Protein backbone atom coordinates (compact mmCIF):
# COMPACT_ATOMS: atom_id res chain seq x y z
CA MET A 1 134.10 62.31 141.94
CA THR A 2 130.60 61.95 143.32
CA THR A 3 128.28 59.26 142.08
CA ARG A 4 124.61 60.03 142.14
CA ARG A 5 121.69 57.68 141.81
CA GLY A 6 119.80 57.07 138.57
CA PRO A 7 117.53 59.20 136.48
CA SER A 8 114.83 60.29 138.94
CA LYS A 9 116.70 63.42 140.04
CA ALA A 10 117.82 64.07 136.48
CA THR A 11 114.27 63.80 135.22
CA ARG A 12 113.15 66.36 137.79
CA ARG A 13 116.03 68.68 136.89
CA LYS A 14 115.19 68.32 133.22
CA GLN A 15 111.56 69.26 133.86
CA GLU A 16 112.58 72.21 136.04
CA ALA A 17 115.07 73.42 133.43
CA ALA A 18 112.43 73.18 130.70
CA LYS A 19 110.07 75.30 132.80
CA GLY A 20 112.80 77.84 133.53
CA GLY A 21 113.42 78.77 129.91
CA GLY A 22 116.03 76.15 129.09
CA ASP A 23 119.14 78.09 130.15
CA THR A 24 120.36 75.23 132.39
CA TRP A 25 122.44 72.51 130.77
CA ILE A 26 121.70 68.98 131.97
CA LEU A 27 124.70 66.67 131.48
CA ARG A 28 125.08 62.99 132.37
CA LEU A 29 128.46 61.33 132.58
CA TYR A 30 128.30 57.53 132.40
CA VAL A 31 131.31 55.75 133.92
CA ALA A 32 132.24 52.25 135.10
CA GLY A 33 133.82 52.81 138.49
CA GLN A 34 136.38 55.39 139.49
CA THR A 35 138.93 54.56 136.84
CA PRO A 36 141.61 57.05 135.77
CA LYS A 37 139.64 57.76 132.56
CA ALA A 38 136.42 58.36 134.50
CA ILE A 39 138.13 60.72 136.93
CA ALA A 40 139.84 62.57 134.06
CA ALA A 41 136.54 62.87 132.18
CA PHE A 42 134.81 64.36 135.23
CA LYS A 43 137.64 66.85 135.85
CA ASN A 44 137.82 67.84 132.17
CA LEU A 45 134.06 68.27 131.99
CA THR A 46 133.98 70.39 135.13
CA VAL A 47 136.69 72.71 133.78
CA ILE A 48 134.91 73.09 130.44
CA CYS A 49 131.54 73.76 132.09
CA ASP A 50 133.00 76.28 134.55
CA GLU A 51 134.63 78.19 131.69
CA GLN A 52 131.83 77.96 129.13
CA LEU A 53 128.56 77.67 131.05
CA GLU A 54 129.30 79.82 134.12
CA GLY A 55 127.34 77.76 136.65
CA LYS A 56 124.33 77.18 134.39
CA TYR A 57 124.79 73.43 134.31
CA SER A 58 124.12 70.25 136.22
CA ILE A 59 126.35 67.18 135.99
CA GLU A 60 125.03 63.79 137.02
CA VAL A 61 127.60 61.00 137.24
CA ILE A 62 126.11 57.55 136.72
CA ASP A 63 128.27 54.59 137.65
CA LEU A 64 127.23 51.66 135.47
CA LEU A 65 128.86 49.21 137.87
CA GLU A 66 126.22 50.22 140.41
CA HIS A 67 123.39 50.54 137.86
CA PRO A 68 124.22 48.17 134.96
CA GLN A 69 120.67 48.19 133.62
CA LEU A 70 121.06 51.87 132.72
CA ALA A 71 123.70 50.99 130.10
CA ARG A 72 121.10 49.06 128.14
CA ASP A 73 118.22 51.43 128.92
CA HIS A 74 120.19 54.50 127.77
CA GLN A 75 122.10 52.72 124.97
CA ILE A 76 125.56 53.36 126.44
CA LEU A 77 128.10 51.28 124.50
CA ALA A 78 131.37 52.71 125.86
CA VAL A 79 132.55 54.54 128.95
CA PRO A 80 133.08 57.24 129.82
CA THR A 81 130.21 58.69 127.80
CA LEU A 82 128.88 62.20 128.21
CA VAL A 83 125.23 62.80 127.29
CA ARG A 84 123.86 66.31 126.89
CA GLU A 85 120.19 66.01 127.85
CA LEU A 86 119.37 69.72 127.70
CA PRO A 87 119.38 71.85 125.70
CA GLU A 88 118.00 69.60 123.03
CA PRO A 89 118.91 67.87 120.80
CA VAL A 90 120.54 65.15 122.87
CA ARG A 91 124.25 64.71 122.07
CA ASN A 92 126.74 62.01 123.09
CA ILE A 93 130.52 62.29 123.44
CA ILE A 94 132.65 59.24 124.22
CA GLY A 95 136.05 59.42 125.90
CA ASP A 96 137.91 61.22 128.67
CA LEU A 97 136.97 64.66 127.27
CA SER A 98 140.63 65.74 127.13
CA ASP A 99 140.27 67.16 123.60
CA THR A 100 138.60 70.42 124.62
CA GLU A 101 137.90 71.59 121.07
CA ARG A 102 136.19 68.29 120.21
CA VAL A 103 134.06 68.53 123.35
CA LEU A 104 133.08 72.15 122.62
CA VAL A 105 132.04 71.19 119.09
CA GLY A 106 130.25 68.06 120.33
CA LEU A 107 128.29 70.06 122.90
CA ASP A 108 127.57 72.72 120.27
CA LEU A 109 129.39 75.40 122.25
CA ARG A 110 131.52 76.31 119.19
C-alpha cells in the first residue's frame, strides 16, 4: 500500500478530471497506518475499481497518522473511510470494503 501526501495532488487531479469531461473517478482512502483493515480496504478497492472502472480512476491513500489534521478538515470520523470525490456528488463509505455489493451501491456503480 502506498501512502501519498495530502490534497494538493488530489486537487490538481480533480481539476484535470473536471476539464476532461468527468470520466475519471477520484477516490480517497483515509486510513490510520498500515493495519490489516487498511490493507484489506486498499486491496478490495483496487479489485473493484479494476473490474468496474477499467483504469479510469485514481486512488489516493491518506494516512491520518501522518496527517492528523486532515481527519478534522475532511470530517473523517472512522477509518478506513473511502471518499468518492468525482464524479459528484461526494460519497463516503466506511469499512474494509469487503462487501462488494455495498461498495458498488455506495459508489453508485449499481
